[in-house]
PDB file of all heavy atoms in Angstrom:
ATOM      1  N   LYS A   1     -49.002 -30.162  14.195  1.00  0.00           N
ATOM      2  CA  LYS A   1     -49.727 -31.431  14.166  1.00  0.00           C
ATOM      3  C   LYS A   1     -51.186 -31.233  14.559  1.00  0.00           C
ATOM      4  O   LYS A   1     -52.087 -31.905  14.025  1.00  0.00           O
ATOM      5  CB  LYS A   1     -49.053 -32.441  15.084  1.00  0.00           C
ATOM      6  CG  LYS A   1     -47.710 -32.925  14.558  1.00  0.00           C
ATOM      7  CD  LYS A   1     -47.140 -34.061  15.384  1.00  0.00           C
ATOM      8  CE  LYS A   1     -45.847 -34.587  14.772  1.00  0.00           C
ATOM      9  NZ  LYS A   1     -45.311 -35.747  15.512  1.00  0.00           N
ATOM     10  N   ASN A   2     -51.434 -30.323  15.475  1.00  0.00           N
ATOM     11  CA  ASN A   2     -52.803 -30.014  15.876  1.00  0.00           C
ATOM     12  C   ASN A   2     -53.592 -29.423  14.705  1.00  0.00           C
ATOM     13  O   ASN A   2     -54.735 -29.818  14.442  1.00  0.00           O
ATOM     14  CB  ASN A   2     -52.773 -29.047  17.060  1.00  0.00           C
ATOM     15  CG  ASN A   2     -54.132 -28.452  17.381  1.00  0.00           C
ATOM     16  OD1 ASN A   2     -54.401 -27.291  17.090  1.00  0.00           O
ATOM     17  ND2 ASN A   2     -55.000 -29.248  17.979  1.00  0.00           N
ATOM     18  N   ILE A   3     -52.965 -28.491  13.989  1.00  0.00           N
ATOM     19  CA  ILE A   3     -53.623 -27.862  12.830  1.00  0.00           C
ATOM     20  C   ILE A   3     -53.920 -28.905  11.763  1.00  0.00           C
ATOM     21  O   ILE A   3     -55.005 -28.939  11.178  1.00  0.00           O
ATOM     22  CB  ILE A   3     -52.737 -26.740  12.264  1.00  0.00           C
ATOM     23  CG1 ILE A   3     -52.651 -25.583  13.274  1.00  0.00           C
ATOM     24  CG2 ILE A   3     -53.282 -26.232  10.931  1.00  0.00           C
ATOM     25  CD1 ILE A   3     -51.622 -24.534  12.907  1.00  0.00           C
ATOM     26  N   GLN A   4     -52.950 -29.787  11.507  1.00  0.00           N
ATOM     27  CA  GLN A   4     -53.147 -30.817  10.500  1.00  0.00           C
ATOM     28  C   GLN A   4     -54.245 -31.794  10.916  1.00  0.00           C
ATOM     29  O   GLN A   4     -55.065 -32.217  10.096  1.00  0.00           O
ATOM     30  CB  GLN A   4     -51.829 -31.583  10.272  1.00  0.00           C
ATOM     31  CG  GLN A   4     -51.836 -32.465   9.037  1.00  0.00           C
ATOM     32  CD  GLN A   4     -52.097 -31.691   7.748  1.00  0.00           C
ATOM     33  OE1 GLN A   4     -51.610 -30.576   7.582  1.00  0.00           O
ATOM     34  NE2 GLN A   4     -52.879 -32.268   6.844  1.00  0.00           N
ATOM     35  N   ALA A   5     -54.281 -32.123  12.221  1.00  0.00           N
ATOM     36  CA  ALA A   5     -55.283 -33.068  12.716  1.00  0.00           C
ATOM     37  C   ALA A   5     -56.695 -32.514  12.578  1.00  0.00           C
ATOM     38  O   ALA A   5     -57.655 -33.261  12.367  1.00  0.00           O
ATOM     39  CB  ALA A   5     -54.997 -33.414  14.176  1.00  0.00           C
ATOM     40  N   LYS A   6     -56.821 -31.187  12.663  1.00  0.00           N
ATOM     41  CA  LYS A   6     -58.144 -30.568  12.576  1.00  0.00           C
ATOM     42  C   LYS A   6     -58.611 -30.364  11.140  1.00  0.00           C
ATOM     43  O   LYS A   6     -59.765 -29.995  10.916  1.00  0.00           O
ATOM     44  CB  LYS A   6     -58.149 -29.237  13.326  1.00  0.00           C
ATOM     45  CG  LYS A   6     -58.094 -29.405  14.833  1.00  0.00           C
ATOM     46  CD  LYS A   6     -58.380 -28.125  15.587  1.00  0.00           C
ATOM     47  CE  LYS A   6     -57.271 -27.126  15.454  1.00  0.00           C
ATOM     48  NZ  LYS A   6     -57.470 -25.961  16.378  1.00  0.00           N
ATOM     49  N   GLY A   7     -57.712 -30.604  10.170  1.00  0.00           N
ATOM     50  CA  GLY A   7     -58.112 -30.492   8.773  1.00  0.00           C
ATOM     51  C   GLY A   7     -57.126 -29.766   7.894  1.00  0.00           C
ATOM     52  O   GLY A   7     -57.273 -29.739   6.682  1.00  0.00           O
ATOM     53  N   GLY A   8     -56.118 -29.147   8.515  1.00  0.00           N
ATOM     54  CA  GLY A   8     -55.118 -28.423   7.728  1.00  0.00           C
ATOM     55  C   GLY A   8     -55.425 -26.943   7.660  1.00  0.00           C
ATOM     56  O   GLY A   8     -56.582 -26.519   7.683  1.00  0.00           O
ATOM     57  N   LEU A   9     -54.364 -26.135   7.571  1.00  0.00           N
ATOM     58  CA  LEU A   9     -54.513 -24.687   7.628  1.00  0.00           C
ATOM     59  C   LEU A   9     -55.351 -24.139   6.469  1.00  0.00           C
ATOM     60  O   LEU A   9     -56.153 -23.225   6.650  1.00  0.00           O
ATOM     61  CB  LEU A   9     -53.128 -24.026   7.642  1.00  0.00           C
ATOM     62  CG  LEU A   9     -53.094 -22.539   7.979  1.00  0.00           C
ATOM     63  CD1 LEU A   9     -53.716 -22.268   9.337  1.00  0.00           C
ATOM     64  CD2 LEU A   9     -51.658 -22.017   7.930  1.00  0.00           C
ATOM     65  N   GLU A  10     -55.187 -24.691   5.282  1.00  0.00           N
ATOM     66  CA  GLU A  10     -55.922 -24.183   4.119  1.00  0.00           C
ATOM     67  C   GLU A  10     -57.427 -24.326   4.309  1.00  0.00           C
ATOM     68  O   GLU A  10     -58.198 -23.384   4.038  1.00  0.00           O
ATOM     69  CB  GLU A  10     -55.475 -24.918   2.851  1.00  0.00           C
ATOM     70  CG  GLU A  10     -56.112 -24.390   1.584  1.00  0.00           C
ATOM     71  CD  GLU A  10     -55.600 -25.077   0.330  1.00  0.00           C
ATOM     72  OE1 GLU A  10     -54.640 -25.870   0.416  1.00  0.00           O
ATOM     73  OE2 GLU A  10     -56.177 -24.815  -0.753  1.00  0.00           O
ATOM     74  N   LYS A  11     -57.875 -25.494   4.776  1.00  0.00           N
ATOM     75  CA  LYS A  11     -59.303 -25.710   4.991  1.00  0.00           C
ATOM     76  C   LYS A  11     -59.828 -24.848   6.133  1.00  0.00           C
ATOM     77  O   LYS A  11     -60.943 -24.305   6.056  1.00  0.00           O
ATOM     78  CB  LYS A  11     -59.570 -27.191   5.292  1.00  0.00           C
ATOM     79  CG  LYS A  11     -59.490 -28.095   4.078  1.00  0.00           C
ATOM     80  CD  LYS A  11     -59.883 -29.512   4.432  1.00  0.00           C
ATOM     81  CE  LYS A  11     -59.828 -30.408   3.198  1.00  0.00           C
ATOM     82  NZ  LYS A  11     -60.206 -31.805   3.534  1.00  0.00           N
ATOM     83  N   LEU A  12     -59.025 -24.711   7.189  1.00  0.00           N
ATOM     84  CA  LEU A  12     -59.455 -23.902   8.327  1.00  0.00           C
ATOM     85  C   LEU A  12     -59.584 -22.433   7.935  1.00  0.00           C
ATOM     86  O   LEU A  12     -60.528 -21.748   8.335  1.00  0.00           O
ATOM     87  CB  LEU A  12     -58.465 -24.064   9.486  1.00  0.00           C
ATOM     88  CG  LEU A  12     -58.430 -25.451  10.139  1.00  0.00           C
ATOM     89  CD1 LEU A  12     -57.244 -25.554  11.101  1.00  0.00           C
ATOM     90  CD2 LEU A  12     -59.726 -25.743  10.876  1.00  0.00           C
ATOM     91  N   ARG A  13     -58.625 -21.946   7.136  1.00  0.00           N
ATOM     92  CA  ARG A  13     -58.664 -20.552   6.695  1.00  0.00           C
ATOM     93  C   ARG A  13     -59.853 -20.279   5.767  1.00  0.00           C
ATOM     94  O   ARG A  13     -60.334 -19.148   5.684  1.00  0.00           O
ATOM     95  CB  ARG A  13     -57.375 -20.219   5.955  1.00  0.00           C
ATOM     96  CG  ARG A  13     -56.135 -20.188   6.809  1.00  0.00           C
ATOM     97  CD  ARG A  13     -56.098 -18.934   7.642  1.00  0.00           C
ATOM     98  NE  ARG A  13     -54.777 -18.688   8.162  1.00  0.00           N
ATOM     99  CZ  ARG A  13     -54.515 -18.236   9.377  1.00  0.00           C
ATOM    100  NH1 ARG A  13     -55.520 -17.988  10.213  1.00  0.00           N
ATOM    101  NH2 ARG A  13     -53.284 -18.014   9.785  1.00  0.00           N
ATOM    102  N   ALA A  14     -60.312 -21.302   5.067  1.00  0.00           N
ATOM    103  CA  ALA A  14     -61.412 -21.120   4.122  1.00  0.00           C
ATOM    104  C   ALA A  14     -62.751 -20.910   4.832  1.00  0.00           C
ATOM    105  O   ALA A  14     -63.710 -20.451   4.219  1.00  0.00           O
ATOM    106  CB  ALA A  14     -61.511 -22.324   3.185  1.00  0.00           C
ATOM    107  N   ILE A  15     -62.812 -21.234   6.112  1.00  0.00           N
ATOM    108  CA  ILE A  15     -64.046 -21.054   6.867  1.00  0.00           C
ATOM    109  C   ILE A  15     -64.143 -19.605   7.322  1.00  0.00           C
ATOM    110  O   ILE A  15     -63.265 -19.104   8.028  1.00  0.00           O
ATOM    111  CB  ILE A  15     -64.088 -21.996   8.090  1.00  0.00           C
ATOM    112  CG1 ILE A  15     -63.998 -23.455   7.636  1.00  0.00           C
ATOM    113  CG2 ILE A  15     -65.366 -21.776   8.894  1.00  0.00           C
ATOM    114  CD1 ILE A  15     -63.844 -24.432   8.782  1.00  0.00           C
ATOM    115  N   GLN A  16     -65.192 -18.933   6.920  1.00  0.00           N
ATOM    116  CA  GLN A  16     -65.402 -17.526   7.271  1.00  0.00           C
ATOM    117  C   GLN A  16     -66.475 -17.333   8.341  1.00  0.00           C
ATOM    118  O   GLN A  16     -66.485 -16.313   9.036  1.00  0.00           O
ATOM    119  CB  GLN A  16     -65.778 -16.723   6.024  1.00  0.00           C
ATOM    120  CG  GLN A  16     -64.710 -16.745   4.937  1.00  0.00           C
ATOM    121  CD  GLN A  16     -63.399 -16.136   5.407  1.00  0.00           C
ATOM    122  OE1 GLN A  16     -63.375 -15.038   5.965  1.00  0.00           O
ATOM    123  NE2 GLN A  16     -62.297 -16.836   5.177  1.00  0.00           N
ATOM    124  N   SER A  17     -67.368 -18.296   8.460  1.00  0.00           N
ATOM    125  CA  SER A  17     -68.429 -18.197   9.462  1.00  0.00           C
ATOM    126  C   SER A  17     -68.890 -19.596   9.854  1.00  0.00           C
ATOM    127  O   SER A  17     -68.716 -20.555   9.100  1.00  0.00           O
ATOM    128  CB  SER A  17     -69.608 -17.377   8.938  1.00  0.00           C
ATOM    129  OG  SER A  17     -70.222 -18.040   7.846  1.00  0.00           O
ATOM    130  N   ILE A  18     -69.487 -19.674  11.040  1.00  0.00           N
ATOM    131  CA  ILE A  18     -69.977 -20.955  11.560  1.00  0.00           C
ATOM    132  C   ILE A  18     -71.322 -20.736  12.240  1.00  0.00           C
ATOM    133  O   ILE A  18     -71.520 -19.755  12.973  1.00  0.00           O
ATOM    134  CB  ILE A  18     -68.999 -21.571  12.584  1.00  0.00           C
ATOM    135  CG1 ILE A  18     -67.647 -21.888  11.945  1.00  0.00           C
ATOM    136  CG2 ILE A  18     -69.594 -22.839  13.207  1.00  0.00           C
ATOM    137  CD1 ILE A  18     -66.605 -22.354  12.947  1.00  0.00           C
ATOM    138  N   LYS A  19     -72.255 -21.648  11.990  1.00  0.00           N
ATOM    139  CA  LYS A  19     -73.484 -21.722  12.779  1.00  0.00           C
ATOM    140  C   LYS A  19     -73.550 -23.119  13.378  1.00  0.00           C
ATOM    141  O   LYS A  19     -73.428 -24.116  12.667  1.00  0.00           O
ATOM    142  CB  LYS A  19     -74.724 -21.467  11.911  1.00  0.00           C
ATOM    143  CG  LYS A  19     -76.019 -21.564  12.708  1.00  0.00           C
ATOM    144  CD  LYS A  19     -77.248 -21.383  11.831  1.00  0.00           C
ATOM    145  CE  LYS A  19     -78.527 -21.527  12.652  1.00  0.00           C
ATOM    146  NZ  LYS A  19     -79.752 -21.402  11.816  1.00  0.00           N
ATOM    147  N   GLN A  20     -73.717 -23.162  14.698  1.00  0.00           N
ATOM    148  CA  GLN A  20     -73.730 -24.435  15.412  1.00  0.00           C
ATOM    149  C   GLN A  20     -74.962 -24.501  16.304  1.00  0.00           C
ATOM    150  O   GLN A  20     -75.294 -23.539  16.994  1.00  0.00           O
ATOM    151  CB  GLN A  20     -72.470 -24.556  16.263  1.00  0.00           C
ATOM    152  CG  GLN A  20     -72.416 -25.792  17.156  1.00  0.00           C
ATOM    153  CD  GLN A  20     -71.161 -25.787  18.007  1.00  0.00           C
ATOM    154  OE1 GLN A  20     -70.046 -25.821  17.487  1.00  0.00           O
ATOM    155  NE2 GLN A  20     -71.332 -25.720  19.323  1.00  0.00           N
ATOM    156  N   THR A  21     -75.657 -25.626  16.271  1.00  0.00           N
ATOM    157  CA  THR A  21     -76.805 -25.824  17.147  1.00  0.00           C
ATOM    158  C   THR A  21     -76.584 -27.071  17.991  1.00  0.00           C
ATOM    159  O   THR A  21     -75.847 -27.986  17.602  1.00  0.00           O
ATOM    160  CB  THR A  21     -78.113 -25.965  16.356  1.00  0.00           C
ATOM    161  OG1 THR A  21     -78.040 -27.163  15.550  1.00  0.00           O
ATOM    162  CG2 THR A  21     -78.356 -24.775  15.459  1.00  0.00           C
ATOM    163  N   GLY A  22     -77.244 -27.097  19.139  1.00  0.00           N
ATOM    164  CA  GLY A  22     -77.088 -28.256  19.991  1.00  0.00           C
ATOM    165  C   GLY A  22     -77.956 -28.182  21.232  1.00  0.00           C
ATOM    166  O   GLY A  22     -78.708 -27.227  21.447  1.00  0.00           O
ATOM    167  N   ARG A  23     -77.834 -29.208  22.051  1.00  0.00           N
ATOM    168  CA  ARG A  23     -78.527 -29.261  23.329  1.00  0.00           C
ATOM    169  C   ARG A  23     -77.563 -28.842  24.433  1.00  0.00           C
ATOM    170  O   ARG A  23     -76.366 -29.098  24.362  1.00  0.00           O
ATOM    171  CB  ARG A  23     -79.031 -30.675  23.600  1.00  0.00           C
ATOM    172  CG  ARG A  23     -80.153 -31.111  22.655  1.00  0.00           C
ATOM    173  CD  ARG A  23     -80.579 -32.540  22.900  1.00  0.00           C
ATOM    174  NE  ARG A  23     -79.596 -33.496  22.369  1.00  0.00           N
ATOM    175  CZ  ARG A  23     -78.833 -34.268  23.106  1.00  0.00           C
ATOM    176  NH1 ARG A  23     -78.901 -34.222  24.428  1.00  0.00           N
ATOM    177  NH2 ARG A  23     -77.990 -35.119  22.552  1.00  0.00           N
ATOM    178  N   VAL A  24     -78.094 -28.181  25.441  1.00  0.00           N
ATOM    179  CA  VAL A  24     -77.266 -27.717  26.540  1.00  0.00           C
ATOM    180  C   VAL A  24     -77.902 -28.127  27.861  1.00  0.00           C
ATOM    181  O   VAL A  24     -79.125 -28.154  28.003  1.00  0.00           O
ATOM    182  CB  VAL A  24     -77.068 -26.179  26.478  1.00  0.00           C
ATOM    183  CG1 VAL A  24     -78.386 -25.455  26.635  1.00  0.00           C
ATOM    184  CG2 VAL A  24     -76.080 -25.703  27.532  1.00  0.00           C
ATOM    185  N   SER A  25     -77.056 -28.481  28.813  1.00  0.00           N
ATOM    186  CA  SER A  25     -77.496 -28.794  30.166  1.00  0.00           C
ATOM    187  C   SER A  25     -76.692 -27.919  31.116  1.00  0.00           C
ATOM    188  O   SER A  25     -75.465 -28.001  31.156  1.00  0.00           O
ATOM    189  CB  SER A  25     -77.269 -30.276  30.486  1.00  0.00           C
ATOM    190  OG  SER A  25     -77.585 -30.548  31.845  1.00  0.00           O
ATOM    191  N   ILE A  26     -77.388 -27.051  31.855  1.00  0.00           N
ATOM    192  CA  ILE A  26     -76.723 -26.141  32.788  1.00  0.00           C
ATOM    193  C   ILE A  26     -77.274 -26.379  34.183  1.00  0.00           C
ATOM    194  O   ILE A  26     -78.435 -26.066  34.461  1.00  0.00           O
ATOM    195  CB  ILE A  26     -76.929 -24.663  32.371  1.00  0.00           C
ATOM    196  CG1 ILE A  26     -76.359 -24.419  30.968  1.00  0.00           C
ATOM    197  CG2 ILE A  26     -76.269 -23.724  33.384  1.00  0.00           C
ATOM    198  CD1 ILE A  26     -76.597 -23.025  30.448  1.00  0.00           C
ATOM    199  N   GLN A  27     -76.454 -26.975  35.025  1.00  0.00           N
ATOM    200  CA  GLN A  27     -76.842 -27.276  36.404  1.00  0.00           C
ATOM    201  C   GLN A  27     -78.196 -27.974  36.466  1.00  0.00           C
ATOM    202  O   GLN A  27     -79.071 -27.602  37.256  1.00  0.00           O
ATOM    203  CB  GLN A  27     -76.835 -25.998  37.241  1.00  0.00           C
ATOM    204  CG  GLN A  27     -75.449 -25.356  37.328  1.00  0.00           C
ATOM    205  CD  GLN A  27     -75.415 -24.093  38.141  1.00  0.00           C
ATOM    206  OE1 GLN A  27     -76.447 -23.513  38.464  1.00  0.00           O
ATOM    207  NE2 GLN A  27     -74.216 -23.643  38.484  1.00  0.00           N
ATOM    208  N   GLY A  28     -78.359 -28.967  35.602  1.00  0.00           N
ATOM    209  CA  GLY A  28     -79.569 -29.775  35.609  1.00  0.00           C
ATOM    210  C   GLY A  28     -80.718 -29.247  34.773  1.00  0.00           C
ATOM    211  O   GLY A  28     -81.734 -29.932  34.608  1.00  0.00           O
ATOM    212  N   ILE A  29     -80.594 -28.039  34.238  1.00  0.00           N
ATOM    213  CA  ILE A  29     -81.644 -27.463  33.390  1.00  0.00           C
ATOM    214  C   ILE A  29     -81.295 -27.720  31.932  1.00  0.00           C
ATOM    215  O   ILE A  29     -80.196 -27.396  31.481  1.00  0.00           O
ATOM    216  CB  ILE A  29     -81.794 -25.946  33.646  1.00  0.00           C
ATOM    217  CG1 ILE A  29     -82.094 -25.676  35.119  1.00  0.00           C
ATOM    218  CG2 ILE A  29     -82.897 -25.376  32.771  1.00  0.00           C
ATOM    219  CD1 ILE A  29     -82.137 -24.208  35.471  1.00  0.00           C
ATOM    220  N   GLU A  30     -82.241 -28.302  31.190  1.00  0.00           N
ATOM    221  CA  GLU A  30     -82.016 -28.634  29.784  1.00  0.00           C
ATOM    222  C   GLU A  30     -82.505 -27.511  28.880  1.00  0.00           C
ATOM    223  O   GLU A  30     -83.500 -26.840  29.177  1.00  0.00           O
ATOM    224  CB  GLU A  30     -82.742 -29.939  29.425  1.00  0.00           C
ATOM    225  CG  GLU A  30     -82.374 -31.125  30.291  1.00  0.00           C
ATOM    226  CD  GLU A  30     -80.935 -31.559  30.100  1.00  0.00           C
ATOM    227  OE1 GLU A  30     -80.446 -31.497  28.954  1.00  0.00           O
ATOM    228  OE2 GLU A  30     -80.301 -31.960  31.101  1.00  0.00           O
ATOM    229  N   GLY A  31     -81.803 -27.317  27.776  1.00  0.00           N
ATOM    230  CA  GLY A  31     -82.219 -26.290  26.844  1.00  0.00           C
ATOM    231  C   GLY A  31     -81.587 -26.471  25.477  1.00  0.00           C
ATOM    232  O   GLY A  31     -80.968 -27.501  25.187  1.00  0.00           O
ATOM    233  N   LYS A  32     -81.737 -25.461  24.646  1.00  0.00           N
ATOM    234  CA  LYS A  32     -81.191 -25.468  23.286  1.00  0.00           C
ATOM    235  C   LYS A  32     -80.161 -24.353  23.146  1.00  0.00           C
ATOM    236  O   LYS A  32     -80.302 -23.276  23.740  1.00  0.00           O
ATOM    237  CB  LYS A  32     -82.309 -25.256  22.259  1.00  0.00           C
ATOM    238  CG  LYS A  32     -83.264 -26.432  22.122  1.00  0.00           C
ATOM    239  CD  LYS A  32     -82.633 -27.563  21.325  1.00  0.00           C
ATOM    240  CE  LYS A  32     -83.631 -28.657  21.004  1.00  0.00           C
ATOM    241  NZ  LYS A  32     -83.019 -29.743  20.199  1.00  0.00           N
ATOM    242  N   GLN A  33     -79.131 -24.616  22.348  1.00  0.00           N
ATOM    243  CA  GLN A  33     -78.100 -23.612  22.113  1.00  0.00           C
ATOM    244  C   GLN A  33     -77.911 -23.394  20.621  1.00  0.00           C
ATOM    245  O   GLN A  33     -77.906 -24.348  19.835  1.00  0.00           O
ATOM    246  CB  GLN A  33     -76.763 -24.061  22.723  1.00  0.00           C
ATOM    247  CG  GLN A  33     -75.652 -23.038  22.584  1.00  0.00           C
ATOM    248  CD  GLN A  33     -74.370 -23.630  21.998  1.00  0.00           C
ATOM    249  OE1 GLN A  33     -74.392 -24.544  21.190  1.00  0.00           O
ATOM    250  NE2 GLN A  33     -73.255 -23.094  22.417  1.00  0.00           N
ATOM    251  N   THR A  34     -77.776 -22.114  20.242  1.00  0.00           N
ATOM    252  CA  THR A  34     -77.387 -21.762  18.880  1.00  0.00           C
ATOM    253  C   THR A  34     -76.215 -20.808  18.974  1.00  0.00           C
ATOM    254  O   THR A  34     -76.265 -19.819  19.699  1.00  0.00           O
ATOM    255  CB  THR A  34     -78.537 -21.088  18.114  1.00  0.00           C
ATOM    256  OG1 THR A  34     -79.679 -21.946  18.111  1.00  0.00           O
ATOM    257  CG2 THR A  34     -78.128 -20.815  16.679  1.00  0.00           C
ATOM    258  N   LEU A  35     -75.162 -21.112  18.241  1.00  0.00           N
ATOM    259  CA  LEU A  35     -73.954 -20.293  18.269  1.00  0.00           C
ATOM    260  C   LEU A  35     -73.629 -19.810  16.862  1.00  0.00           C
ATOM    261  O   LEU A  35     -73.694 -20.583  15.901  1.00  0.00           O
ATOM    262  CB  LEU A  35     -72.777 -21.093  18.842  1.00  0.00           C
ATOM    263  CG  LEU A  35     -71.432 -20.378  18.964  1.00  0.00           C
ATOM    264  CD1 LEU A  35     -70.706 -20.824  20.237  1.00  0.00           C
ATOM    265  CD2 LEU A  35     -70.539 -20.647  17.752  1.00  0.00           C
ATOM    266  N   TYR A  36     -73.309 -18.505  16.757  1.00  0.00           N
ATOM    267  CA  TYR A  36     -72.874 -17.911  15.504  1.00  0.00           C
ATOM    268  C   TYR A  36     -71.468 -17.349  15.707  1.00  0.00           C
ATOM    269  O   TYR A  36     -71.202 -16.665  16.699  1.00  0.00           O
ATOM    270  CB  TYR A  36     -73.801 -16.766  15.097  1.00  0.00           C
ATOM    271  CG  TYR A  36     -75.256 -17.144  14.947  1.00  0.00           C
ATOM    272  CD1 TYR A  36     -76.125 -17.043  16.033  1.00  0.00           C
ATOM    273  CD2 TYR A  36     -75.765 -17.575  13.726  1.00  0.00           C
ATOM    274  CE1 TYR A  36     -77.468 -17.372  15.905  1.00  0.00           C
ATOM    275  CE2 TYR A  36     -77.108 -17.905  13.594  1.00  0.00           C
ATOM    276  CZ  TYR A  36     -77.952 -17.813  14.691  1.00  0.00           C
ATOM    277  OH  TYR A  36     -79.279 -18.141  14.563  1.00  0.00           O
ATOM    278  N   ALA A  37     -70.580 -17.611  14.781  1.00  0.00           N
ATOM    279  CA  ALA A  37     -69.220 -17.067  14.839  1.00  0.00           C
ATOM    280  C   ALA A  37     -68.800 -16.624  13.445  1.00  0.00           C
ATOM    281  O   ALA A  37     -69.171 -17.251  12.446  1.00  0.00           O
ATOM    282  CB  ALA A  37     -68.238 -18.116  15.366  1.00  0.00           C
ATOM    283  N   LYS A  38     -68.061 -15.517  13.407  1.00  0.00           N
ATOM    284  CA  LYS A  38     -67.641 -14.964  12.122  1.00  0.00           C
ATOM    285  C   LYS A  38     -66.273 -14.319  12.272  1.00  0.00           C
ATOM    286  O   LYS A  38     -65.966 -13.730  13.318  1.00  0.00           O
ATOM    287  CB  LYS A  38     -68.670 -13.925  11.651  1.00  0.00           C
ATOM    288  CG  LYS A  38     -68.496 -13.443  10.230  1.00  0.00           C
ATOM    289  CD  LYS A  38     -69.671 -12.539   9.830  1.00  0.00           C
ATOM    290  CE  LYS A  38     -69.550 -12.073   8.385  1.00  0.00           C
ATOM    291  NZ  LYS A  38     -70.694 -11.209   7.995  1.00  0.00           N
ATOM    292  N   ARG A  39     -65.451 -14.465  11.252  1.00  0.00           N
ATOM    293  CA  ARG A  39     -64.132 -13.841  11.303  1.00  0.00           C
ATOM    294  C   ARG A  39     -64.256 -12.321  11.393  1.00  0.00           C
ATOM    295  O   ARG A  39     -65.188 -11.754  10.846  1.00  0.00           O
ATOM    296  CB  ARG A  39     -63.318 -14.206  10.047  1.00  0.00           C
ATOM    297  CG  ARG A  39     -62.827 -15.625  10.026  1.00  0.00           C
ATOM    298  CD  ARG A  39     -61.818 -15.837   8.903  1.00  0.00           C
ATOM    299  NE  ARG A  39     -61.433 -17.220   8.818  1.00  0.00           N
ATOM    300  CZ  ARG A  39     -60.471 -17.762   9.563  1.00  0.00           C
ATOM    301  NH1 ARG A  39     -59.809 -17.024  10.432  1.00  0.00           N
ATOM    302  NH2 ARG A  39     -60.169 -19.043   9.435  1.00  0.00           N
ATOM    303  N   PRO A  40     -63.285 -11.653  12.078  1.00  0.00           N
ATOM    304  CA  PRO A  40     -62.120 -12.271  12.717  1.00  0.00           C
ATOM    305  C   PRO A  40     -62.391 -12.735  14.153  1.00  0.00           C
ATOM    306  O   PRO A  40     -61.790 -13.702  14.612  1.00  0.00           O
ATOM    307  CB  PRO A  40     -61.085 -11.150  12.700  1.00  0.00           C
ATOM    308  CG  PRO A  40     -61.907  -9.901  12.819  1.00  0.00           C
ATOM    309  CD  PRO A  40     -63.170 -10.173  12.050  1.00  0.00           C
ATOM    310  N   ASN A  41     -63.343 -12.062  14.853  1.00  0.00           N
ATOM    311  CA  ASN A  41     -63.544 -12.420  16.260  1.00  0.00           C
ATOM    312  C   ASN A  41     -64.939 -12.040  16.758  1.00  0.00           C
ATOM    313  O   ASN A  41     -65.103 -11.520  17.865  1.00  0.00           O
ATOM    314  CB  ASN A  41     -62.489 -11.743  17.145  1.00  0.00           C
ATOM    315  CG  ASN A  41     -62.500 -10.234  17.032  1.00  0.00           C
ATOM    316  OD1 ASN A  41     -63.112  -9.679  16.120  1.00  0.00           O
ATOM    317  ND2 ASN A  41     -61.839  -9.565  17.951  1.00  0.00           N
ATOM    318  N   MET A  42     -65.947 -12.298  15.938  1.00  0.00           N
ATOM    319  CA  MET A  42     -67.319 -12.001  16.343  1.00  0.00           C
ATOM    320  C   MET A  42     -68.022 -13.285  16.783  1.00  0.00           C
ATOM    321  O   MET A  42     -67.856 -14.347  16.167  1.00  0.00           O
ATOM    322  CB  MET A  42     -68.075 -11.336  15.191  1.00  0.00           C
ATOM    323  CG  MET A  42     -67.556  -9.942  14.871  1.00  0.00           C
ATOM    324  SD  MET A  42     -68.492  -9.084  13.575  1.00  0.00           S
ATOM    325  CE  MET A  42     -67.854  -9.910  12.111  1.00  0.00           C
ATOM    326  N   LEU A  43     -68.793 -13.155  17.855  1.00  0.00           N
ATOM    327  CA  LEU A  43     -69.411 -14.336  18.457  1.00  0.00           C
ATOM    328  C   LEU A  43     -70.770 -13.983  19.037  1.00  0.00           C
ATOM    329  O   LEU A  43     -70.951 -12.916  19.625  1.00  0.00           O
ATOM    330  CB  LEU A  43     -68.508 -14.885  19.570  1.00  0.00           C
ATOM    331  CG  LEU A  43     -68.983 -16.140  20.306  1.00  0.00           C
ATOM    332  CD1 LEU A  43     -68.889 -17.360  19.392  1.00  0.00           C
ATOM    333  CD2 LEU A  43     -68.142 -16.360  21.564  1.00  0.00           C
ATOM    334  N   ARG A  44     -71.732 -14.870  18.853  1.00  0.00           N
ATOM    335  CA  ARG A  44     -73.049 -14.724  19.489  1.00  0.00           C
ATOM    336  C   ARG A  44     -73.541 -16.107  19.894  1.00  0.00           C
ATOM    337  O   ARG A  44     -73.543 -17.032  19.075  1.00  0.00           O
ATOM    338  CB  ARG A  44     -74.052 -14.070  18.540  1.00  0.00           C
ATOM    339  CG  ARG A  44     -75.464 -13.907  19.149  1.00  0.00           C
ATOM    340  CD  ARG A  44     -76.430 -13.401  18.090  1.00  0.00           C
ATOM    341  NE  ARG A  44     -77.809 -13.329  18.564  1.00  0.00           N
ATOM    342  CZ  ARG A  44     -78.435 -12.192  18.899  1.00  0.00           C
ATOM    343  NH1 ARG A  44     -77.796 -11.041  18.822  1.00  0.00           N
ATOM    344  NH2 ARG A  44     -79.706 -12.207  19.307  1.00  0.00           N
TER     345      ARG A  44
END
């Protein structure tokens, strides 16, 4: 049910890489975040 709620296994498997940007707050300090992820288990 969790897999289906997130979009279904077929759609999730079709994703090979992700780039995500956003704002971050760490102990009161504001900044910017960029995240890169790629199959099978690479992260930056």
